[in-house]
C-alpha atoms as a PDB file:
ATOM      1  CA  MET A   1     -34.680 -44.941  45.218  1.00  0.00           C
ATOM      2  CA  SER A   2     -32.800 -41.777  46.219  1.00  0.00           C
ATOM      3  CA  GLY A   3     -33.731 -38.324  44.862  1.00  0.00           C
ATOM      4  CA  THR A   4     -30.555 -38.364  42.862  1.00  0.00           C
ATOM      5  CA  GLY A   5     -31.504 -41.720  41.367  1.00  0.00           C
ATOM      6  CA  VAL A   6     -34.942 -40.436  40.370  1.00  0.00           C
ATOM      7  CA  GLU A   7     -33.421 -37.384  38.731  1.00  0.00           C
ATOM      8  CA  SER A   8     -30.852 -39.515  36.870  1.00  0.00           C
ATOM      9  CA  SER A   9     -33.609 -41.905  35.764  1.00  0.00           C
ATOM     10  CA  THR A  10     -35.674 -38.926  34.543  1.00  0.00           C
ATOM     11  CA  ARG A  11     -32.819 -37.465  32.552  1.00  0.00           C
ATOM     12  CA  LEU A  12     -32.143 -40.787  30.969  1.00  0.00           C
ATOM     13  CA  GLY A  13     -35.855 -41.036  30.062  1.00  0.00           C
ATOM     14  CA  MET A  14     -35.701 -37.637  28.431  1.00  0.00           C
ATOM     15  CA  ARG A  15     -32.634 -38.613  26.388  1.00  0.00           C
ATOM     16  CA  SER A  16     -34.298 -41.713  25.313  1.00  0.00           C
ATOM     17  CA  THR A  17     -37.413 -39.788  24.109  1.00  0.00           C
ATOM     18  CA  GLN A  18     -35.190 -37.352  22.232  1.00  0.00           C
ATOM     19  CA  VAL A  19     -33.290 -40.162  20.516  1.00  0.00           C
ATOM     20  CA  THR A  20     -36.496 -41.877  19.437  1.00  0.00           C
ATOM     21  CA  GLY A  21     -37.138 -39.125  16.880  1.00  0.00           C
ATOM     22  CA  LEU A  22     -33.758 -39.588  15.253  1.00  0.00           C
ATOM     23  CA  GLU A  23     -34.368 -43.358  15.008  1.00  0.00           C
ATOM     24  CA  GLN A  24     -37.024 -42.647  12.355  1.00  0.00           C
ATOM     25  CA  LEU A  25     -34.267 -41.548   9.977  1.00  0.00           C
ATOM     26  CA  GLU A  26     -33.157 -44.361   7.662  1.00  0.00           C
ATOM     27  CA  PRO A  27     -29.368 -45.065   7.415  1.00  0.00           C
ATOM     28  CA  ILE A  28     -27.670 -43.845   4.267  1.00  0.00           C
ATOM     29  CA  SER A  29     -26.817 -47.032   2.266  1.00  0.00           C
ATOM     30  CA  ARG A  30     -24.594 -45.344  -0.324  1.00  0.00           C
ATOM     31  CA  ALA A  31     -22.947 -42.167  -1.225  1.00  0.00           C
ATOM     32  CA  PRO A  32     -25.155 -39.494  -2.834  1.00  0.00           C
ATOM     33  CA  THR A  33     -23.834 -40.400  -6.359  1.00  0.00           C
ATOM     34  CA  ALA A  34     -26.701 -38.546  -8.027  1.00  0.00           C
ATOM     35  CA  LEU A  35     -25.677 -35.302  -6.364  1.00  0.00           C
ATOM     36  CA  ILE A  36     -22.101 -35.638  -7.561  1.00  0.00           C
ATOM     37  CA  ILE A  37     -23.283 -36.404 -11.111  1.00  0.00           C
ATOM     38  CA  ALA A  38     -25.654 -33.423 -11.144  1.00  0.00           C
ATOM     39  CA  ARG A  39     -22.792 -31.215  -9.987  1.00  0.00           C
ATOM     40  CA  ARG A  40     -20.453 -32.437 -12.684  1.00  0.00           C
ATOM     41  CA  ILE A  41     -23.093 -31.833 -15.358  1.00  0.00           C
ATOM     42  CA  ARG A  42     -23.646 -28.320 -14.060  1.00  0.00           C
ATOM     43  CA  ASP A  43     -19.924 -27.678 -14.067  1.00  0.00           C
ATOM     44  CA  ALA A  44     -19.734 -28.853 -17.747  1.00  0.00           C
ATOM     45  CA  MET A  45     -22.620 -26.501 -18.682  1.00  0.00           C
ATOM     46  CA  LEU A  46     -20.886 -23.662 -16.822  1.00  0.00           C
ATOM     47  CA  ALA A  47     -17.673 -24.284 -18.706  1.00  0.00           C
ATOM     48  CA  GLY A  48     -19.572 -24.309 -22.004  1.00  0.00           C
ATOM     49  CA  ALA A  49     -18.770 -27.970 -22.776  1.00  0.00           C
ATOM     50  CA  LEU A  50     -22.452 -28.825 -22.977  1.00  0.00           C
ATOM     51  CA  SER A  51     -24.594 -26.738 -25.273  1.00  0.00           C
ATOM     52  CA  PRO A  52     -28.328 -25.894 -25.164  1.00  0.00           C
ATOM     53  CA  GLY A  53     -30.367 -28.461 -26.992  1.00  0.00           C
ATOM     54  CA  THR A  54     -27.919 -31.350 -26.182  1.00  0.00           C
ATOM     55  CA  ARG A  55     -29.600 -34.678 -25.587  1.00  0.00           C
ATOM     56  CA  MET A  56     -28.520 -36.323 -22.307  1.00  0.00           C
ATOM     57  CA  VAL A  57     -28.306 -40.006 -23.195  1.00  0.00           C
ATOM     58  CA  GLU A  58     -28.428 -42.119 -20.043  1.00  0.00           C
ATOM     59  CA  THR A  59     -26.359 -45.043 -21.337  1.00  0.00           C
ATOM     60  CA  ARG A  60     -23.556 -42.746 -22.621  1.00  0.00           C
ATOM     61  CA  LEU A  61     -23.438 -40.720 -19.437  1.00  0.00           C
ATOM     62  CA  ALA A  62     -23.321 -43.972 -17.312  1.00  0.00           C
ATOM     63  CA  GLU A  63     -20.452 -45.297 -19.470  1.00  0.00           C
ATOM     64  CA  GLN A  64     -18.588 -41.988 -19.256  1.00  0.00           C
ATOM     65  CA  LEU A  65     -18.936 -41.524 -15.515  1.00  0.00           C
ATOM     66  CA  GLY A  66     -18.552 -45.227 -14.669  1.00  0.00           C
ATOM     67  CA  VAL A  67     -21.894 -45.592 -12.817  1.00  0.00           C
ATOM     68  CA  SER A  68     -25.192 -47.331 -13.248  1.00  0.00           C
ATOM     69  CA  ARG A  69     -28.170 -45.646 -14.976  1.00  0.00           C
ATOM     70  CA  ALA A  70     -30.129 -45.229 -11.805  1.00  0.00           C
ATOM     71  CA  PRO A  71     -28.122 -42.333 -10.342  1.00  0.00           C
ATOM     72  CA  ILE A  72     -27.868 -40.846 -13.812  1.00  0.00           C
ATOM     73  CA  ARG A  73     -31.687 -40.826 -14.018  1.00  0.00           C
ATOM     74  CA  GLU A  74     -31.939 -39.274 -10.518  1.00  0.00           C
ATOM     75  CA  ALA A  75     -29.396 -36.568 -11.406  1.00  0.00           C
ATOM     76  CA  LEU A  76     -31.230 -35.605 -14.563  1.00  0.00           C
ATOM     77  CA  GLN A  77     -34.518 -35.380 -12.721  1.00  0.00           C
ATOM     78  CA  ARG A  78     -32.856 -33.048 -10.213  1.00  0.00           C
ATOM     79  CA  LEU A  79     -31.591 -30.861 -13.048  1.00  0.00           C
ATOM     80  CA  ILE A  80     -35.036 -30.821 -14.637  1.00  0.00           C
ATOM     81  CA  GLN A  81     -36.391 -29.646 -11.317  1.00  0.00           C
ATOM     82  CA  GLU A  82     -33.802 -26.841 -11.270  1.00  0.00           C
ATOM     83  CA  GLY A  83     -35.021 -25.747 -14.772  1.00  0.00           C
ATOM     84  CA  LEU A  84     -31.688 -26.519 -16.417  1.00  0.00           C
ATOM     85  CA  MET A  85     -33.099 -29.419 -18.504  1.00  0.00           C
ATOM     86  CA  GLU A  86     -36.382 -30.499 -19.842  1.00  0.00           C
ATOM     87  CA  ASN A  87     -38.198 -33.790 -20.906  1.00  0.00           C
ATOM     88  CA  ARG A  88     -39.044 -34.132 -24.537  1.00  0.00           C
ATOM     89  CA  ARG A  89     -40.543 -36.978 -26.522  1.00  0.00           C
ATOM     90  CA  ARG A  90     -37.199 -38.663 -27.149  1.00  0.00           C
ATOM     91  CA  GLY A  91     -35.467 -37.964 -23.823  1.00  0.00           C
ATOM     92  CA  VAL A  92     -33.944 -35.337 -21.609  1.00  0.00           C
ATOM     93  CA  TYR A  93     -32.383 -32.177 -23.214  1.00  0.00           C
ATOM     94  CA  ILE A  94     -30.525 -29.132 -21.992  1.00  0.00           C
ATOM     95  CA  ARG A  95     -33.018 -26.304 -22.111  1.00  0.00           C
ATOM     96  CA  GLU A  96     -32.746 -23.714 -24.817  1.00  0.00           C
ATOM     97  CA  LEU A  97     -33.656 -20.381 -23.312  1.00  0.00           C
ATOM     98  CA  THR A  98     -36.301 -18.195 -24.895  1.00  0.00           C
ATOM     99  CA  ASN A  99     -36.172 -14.376 -24.712  1.00  0.00           C
ATOM    100  CA  GLU A 100     -38.688 -14.624 -21.842  1.00  0.00           C
ATOM    101  CA  ASP A 101     -36.368 -17.048 -20.041  1.00  0.00           C
ATOM    102  CA  VAL A 102     -33.355 -14.660 -20.554  1.00  0.00           C
ATOM    103  CA  VAL A 103     -35.321 -11.711 -19.054  1.00  0.00           C
ATOM    104  CA  ASP A 104     -36.254 -13.869 -16.060  1.00  0.00           C
ATOM    105  CA  VAL A 105     -32.725 -15.088 -15.490  1.00  0.00           C
ATOM    106  CA  TYR A 106     -31.414 -11.553 -15.373  1.00  0.00           C
ATOM    107  CA  PHE A 107     -34.373 -10.404 -13.269  1.00  0.00           C
ATOM    108  CA  ALA A 108     -33.515 -13.024 -10.664  1.00  0.00           C
ATOM    109  CA  ARG A 109     -29.872 -12.168 -10.877  1.00  0.00           C
ATOM    110  CA  THR A 110     -30.588  -8.516 -10.262  1.00  0.00           C
ATOM    111  CA  ALA A 111     -32.540  -9.431  -7.096  1.00  0.00           C
ATOM    112  CA  CYS A 112     -29.806 -11.885  -5.956  1.00  0.00           C
ATOM    113  CA  GLU A 113     -26.868  -9.554  -6.541  1.00  0.00           C
ATOM    114  CA  THR A 114     -28.690  -6.522  -5.077  1.00  0.00           C
ATOM    115  CA  ALA A 115     -29.205  -8.577  -1.880  1.00  0.00           C
ATOM    116  CA  ALA A 116     -25.512  -9.636  -1.932  1.00  0.00           C
ATOM    117  CA  ALA A 117     -24.498  -5.972  -2.340  1.00  0.00           C
ATOM    118  CA  GLU A 118     -26.661  -4.940   0.645  1.00  0.00           C
ATOM    119  CA  ALA A 119     -25.075  -7.609   2.812  1.00  0.00           C
ATOM    120  CA  ILE A 120     -21.590  -6.402   1.710  1.00  0.00           C
ATOM    121  CA  MET A 121     -22.400  -2.825   2.545  1.00  0.00           C
ATOM    122  CA  GLN A 122     -23.684  -3.831   5.987  1.00  0.00           C
ATOM    123  CA  ALA A 123     -20.453  -5.391   6.929  1.00  0.00           C
ATOM    124  CA  PRO A 124     -17.712  -3.858   4.605  1.00  0.00           C
ATOM    125  CA  HIS A 125     -14.933  -4.688   7.105  1.00  0.00           C
ATOM    126  CA  ARG A 126     -15.552  -8.428   6.553  1.00  0.00           C
ATOM    127  CA  VAL A 127     -15.112  -8.200   2.749  1.00  0.00           C
ATOM    128  CA  GLN A 128     -11.901  -9.196   1.004  1.00  0.00           C
ATOM    129  CA  TRP A 129     -11.962  -6.262  -1.273  1.00  0.00           C
ATOM    130  CA  GLU A 130      -8.707  -7.386  -2.971  1.00  0.00           C
ATOM    131  CA  VAL A 131     -10.574 -10.420  -4.369  1.00  0.00           C
ATOM    132  CA  LEU A 132     -13.136  -8.286  -6.045  1.00  0.00           C
ATOM    133  CA  GLU A 133     -10.352  -5.851  -7.268  1.00  0.00           C
ATOM    134  CA  SER A 134      -8.451  -8.811  -8.671  1.00  0.00           C
ATOM    135  CA  ALA A 135     -11.602 -10.176 -10.428  1.00  0.00           C
ATOM    136  CA  LEU A 136     -12.121  -6.710 -11.909  1.00  0.00           C
ATOM    137  CA  SER A 137      -8.571  -6.463 -13.119  1.00  0.00           C
ATOM    138  CA  SER A 138      -8.853  -9.794 -14.830  1.00  0.00           C
ATOM    139  CA  LEU A 139     -11.907  -8.558 -16.601  1.00  0.00           C
ATOM    140  CA  GLU A 140     -10.214  -5.330 -17.639  1.00  0.00           C
ATOM    141  CA  ARG A 141      -7.233  -7.303 -19.076  1.00  0.00           C
ATOM    142  CA  ALA A 142      -9.515  -9.600 -21.015  1.00  0.00           C
ATOM    143  CA  ALA A 143     -11.421  -6.610 -22.422  1.00  0.00           C
ATOM    144  CA  ARG A 144      -8.260  -4.943 -23.542  1.00  0.00           C
ATOM    145  CA  SER A 145      -7.163  -8.139 -25.340  1.00  0.00           C
ATOM    146  CA  SER A 146     -10.458  -8.032 -27.382  1.00  0.00           C
ATOM    147  CA  ASP A 147     -10.970 -11.700 -26.388  1.00  0.00           C
ATOM    148  CA  LEU A 148     -14.715 -11.738 -25.958  1.00  0.00           C
ATOM    149  CA  ARG A 149     -14.965 -15.374 -24.600  1.00  0.00           C
ATOM    150  CA  SER A 150     -12.357 -14.590 -21.907  1.00  0.00           C
ATOM    151  CA  THR A 151     -14.087 -11.285 -21.169  1.00  0.00           C
ATOM    152  CA  LEU A 152     -17.487 -12.962 -20.657  1.00  0.00           C
ATOM    153  CA  GLU A 153     -15.907 -15.650 -18.421  1.00  0.00           C
ATOM    154  CA  ALA A 154     -14.235 -12.900 -16.363  1.00  0.00           C
ATOM    155  CA  ASP A 155     -17.557 -11.162 -16.146  1.00  0.00           C
ATOM    156  CA  ARG A 156     -19.168 -14.317 -14.665  1.00  0.00           C
ATOM    157  CA  TYR A 157     -16.301 -14.742 -12.244  1.00  0.00           C
ATOM    158  CA  PHE A 158     -16.644 -11.243 -10.973  1.00  0.00           C
ATOM    159  CA  HIS A 159     -20.310 -11.739 -10.208  1.00  0.00           C
ATOM    160  CA  GLU A 160     -19.599 -15.034  -8.551  1.00  0.00           C
ATOM    161  CA  LYS A 161     -17.033 -13.414  -6.189  1.00  0.00           C
ATOM    162  CA  LEU A 162     -19.467 -10.564  -5.526  1.00  0.00           C
ATOM    163  CA  VAL A 163     -22.144 -12.946  -4.266  1.00  0.00           C
ATOM    164  CA  GLU A 164     -19.562 -15.013  -2.304  1.00  0.00           C
ATOM    165  CA  ALA A 165     -18.517 -11.766  -0.508  1.00  0.00           C
ATOM    166  CA  ALA A 166     -22.003 -11.603   0.970  1.00  0.00           C
ATOM    167  CA  ASP A 167     -21.020 -14.658   2.990  1.00  0.00           C
ATOM    168  CA  SER A 168     -24.525 -16.311   2.634  1.00  0.00           C
ATOM    169  CA  PRO A 169     -24.440 -19.987   1.751  1.00  0.00           C
ATOM    170  CA  ARG A 170     -28.084 -19.967   0.709  1.00  0.00           C
ATOM    171  CA  LEU A 171     -27.642 -16.966  -1.521  1.00  0.00           C
ATOM    172  CA  SER A 172     -24.589 -18.581  -3.123  1.00  0.00           C
ATOM    173  CA  ARG A 173     -26.522 -21.832  -3.744  1.00  0.00           C
ATOM    174  CA  MET A 174     -29.388 -19.892  -5.445  1.00  0.00           C
ATOM    175  CA  PHE A 175     -26.863 -17.924  -7.529  1.00  0.00           C
ATOM    176  CA  GLY A 176     -25.057 -21.160  -8.518  1.00  0.00           C
ATOM    177  CA  THR A 177     -28.066 -22.268 -10.564  1.00  0.00           C
ATOM    178  CA  LEU A 178     -28.480 -18.792 -12.026  1.00  0.00           C
ATOM    179  CA  LEU A 179     -24.818 -18.901 -13.147  1.00  0.00           C
ATOM    180  CA  VAL A 180     -25.385 -22.149 -15.053  1.00  0.00           C
ATOM    181  CA  GLU A 181     -28.311 -20.542 -16.788  1.00  0.00           C
ATOM    182  CA  THR A 182     -26.179 -17.504 -17.466  1.00  0.00           C
ATOM    183  CA  ALA A 183     -23.561 -19.738 -19.079  1.00  0.00           C
ATOM    184  CA  VAL A 184     -26.317 -20.909 -21.500  1.00  0.00           C
ATOM    185  CA  CYS A 185     -27.019 -17.191 -22.194  1.00  0.00           C
ATOM    186  CA  ILE A 186     -23.343 -16.553 -22.785  1.00  0.00           C
ATOM    187  CA  ARG A 187     -23.477 -18.794 -25.918  1.00  0.00           C
ATOM    188  CA  ARG A 188     -25.826 -16.177 -27.359  1.00  0.00           C
ATOM    189  CA  LEU A 189     -23.805 -13.238 -26.004  1.00  0.00           C
ATOM    190  CA  GLU A 190     -20.773 -14.389 -27.895  1.00  0.00           C
ATOM    191  CA  GLY A 191     -22.547 -13.453 -31.068  1.00  0.00           C
ATOM    192  CA  ALA A 192     -24.323 -10.455 -29.645  1.00  0.00           C
ATOM    193  CA  TYR A 193     -21.374  -8.264 -28.532  1.00  0.00           C
ATOM    194  CA  ASP A 194     -18.904  -6.615 -30.878  1.00  0.00           C
ATOM    195  CA  GLY A 195     -16.467  -6.072 -27.990  1.00  0.00           C
ATOM    196  CA  GLY A 196     -16.280  -6.185 -24.277  1.00  0.00           C
ATOM    197  CA  SER A 197     -14.601  -2.835 -23.310  1.00  0.00           C
ATOM    198  CA  HIS A 198     -17.871  -1.363 -21.962  1.00  0.00           C
ATOM    199  CA  LEU A 199     -18.353  -4.411 -19.688  1.00  0.00           C
ATOM    200  CA  ALA A 200     -15.257  -3.472 -17.703  1.00  0.00           C
ATOM    201  CA  ASP A 201     -16.706  -0.010 -17.192  1.00  0.00           C
ATOM    202  CA  GLU A 202     -19.970  -1.377 -16.002  1.00  0.00           C
ATOM    203  CA  HIS A 203     -18.202  -3.571 -13.416  1.00  0.00           C
ATOM    204  CA  ARG A 204     -15.945  -0.784 -12.250  1.00  0.00           C
ATOM    205  CA  ARG A 205     -19.020   1.332 -11.634  1.00  0.00           C
ATOM    206  CA  ILE A 206     -20.560  -1.408  -9.417  1.00  0.00           C
ATOM    207  CA  LEU A 207     -17.395  -1.955  -7.433  1.00  0.00           C
ATOM    208  CA  VAL A 208     -16.792   1.778  -6.858  1.00  0.00           C
ATOM    209  CA  ALA A 209     -20.385   2.177  -5.663  1.00  0.00           C
ATOM    210  CA  LEU A 210     -20.044  -0.768  -3.385  1.00  0.00           C
ATOM    211  CA  ARG A 211     -16.813   0.527  -1.761  1.00  0.00           C
ATOM    212  CA  SER A 212     -18.422   3.909  -1.206  1.00  0.00           C
ATOM    213  CA  GLY A 213     -21.542   2.366   0.352  1.00  0.00           C
ATOM    214  CA  ASP A 214     -23.781   4.308  -2.016  1.00  0.00           C
ATOM    215  CA  ARG A 215     -26.884   2.020  -2.028  1.00  0.00           C
ATOM    216  CA  ALA A 216     -28.777   3.957  -4.653  1.00  0.00           C
ATOM    217  CA  GLU A 217     -25.845   3.996  -7.059  1.00  0.00           C
ATOM    218  CA  VAL A 218     -25.220   0.237  -6.487  1.00  0.00           C
ATOM    219  CA  ALA A 219     -28.763  -0.555  -7.361  1.00  0.00           C
ATOM    220  CA  LEU A 220     -28.618   1.639 -10.457  1.00  0.00           C
ATOM    221  CA  ALA A 221     -25.279   0.083 -11.640  1.00  0.00           C
ATOM    222  CA  ILE A 222     -26.399  -3.432 -11.183  1.00  0.00           C
ATOM    223  CA  THR A 223     -29.700  -2.853 -12.913  1.00  0.00           C
ATOM    224  CA  ALA A 224     -28.044  -1.024 -15.816  1.00  0.00           C
ATOM    225  CA  HIS A 225     -25.556  -3.892 -16.279  1.00  0.00           C
ATOM    226  CA  MET A 226     -28.342  -6.480 -16.333  1.00  0.00           C
ATOM    227  CA  ASP A 227     -30.482  -4.400 -18.716  1.00  0.00           C
ATOM    228  CA  ASP A 228     -27.511  -4.091 -21.107  1.00  0.00           C
ATOM    229  CA  ALA A 229     -27.171  -7.872 -21.125  1.00  0.00           C
ATOM    230  CA  ILE A 230     -30.830  -8.387 -21.825  1.00  0.00           C
ATOM    231  CA  GLU A 231     -30.836  -5.900 -24.669  1.00  0.00           C
ATOM    232  CA  HIS A 232     -27.826  -7.560 -26.338  1.00  0.00           C
ATOM    233  CA  LEU A 233     -29.339 -11.100 -25.807  1.00  0.00           C
ATOM    234  CA  THR A 234     -32.830 -10.378 -26.945  1.00  0.00           C
ATOM    235  CA  GLY A 235     -32.608  -7.262 -29.129  1.00  0.00           C
ATOM    236  CA  VAL A 236     -35.461  -5.797 -27.082  1.00  0.00           C
ATOM    237  CA  PRO A 237     -34.783  -2.435 -25.340  1.00  0.00           C
ATOM    238  CA  THR A 238     -35.546  -2.485 -21.565  1.00  0.00           C
ATOM    239  CA  MET A 239     -37.147   0.207 -19.522  1.00  0.00           C
ATOM    240  CA  GLY A 240     -34.259   0.286 -17.077  1.00  0.00           C
ATOM    241  CA  VAL A 241     -32.542   3.360 -15.661  1.00  0.00           C
ATOM    242  CA  GLU A 242     -29.111   4.591 -16.298  1.00  0.00           C
END
């Protein structure tokens, strides 16, 4: 066999060895239905259509979504692992957040949004500032209308766009779960705020600090905003800074 033949044979052998590892993966026999179901339930929670304490009945969900109970069960287990639902004696329920849960949600959000802000300030030329400005304008309009539900929804949208601006898929995935938990919190916020005008001011402070690249002010503004939400939700004053 010629040298070229040996080299060719060697290369083929290497390729065969590399492919062998992939052969250990089992073929996907069906679409990931459970993932789609979990996403739809999260979306319904985010929209406020499903309230804390709601029992998730497998048979009713299967009938509503037109699927068997198996992917429903798998989707619910995934949501339990994410902390959005819990097992009780009579089935699976959407979690009702305690004060400790609320504090932890906003603690995690502070860390997540501070990281997003840092990424934004490291590459401000890549940020679509008009998207954030538009989100803030929507919040300001909602606040002026004294429509608290719309104001809180605009609040959530602003933060969603802030994290998206960091251009980090993993950070966005983490934040997605936190947003659903925030939606559960919003149910309590609707009865906790008398008005939403100050929310617009808090968000304007965050955006101005971001655009100026003032890291210290950004951290202070985000922390103050989260502390304000915690105080309104729990009635317990925080030790945050202004």
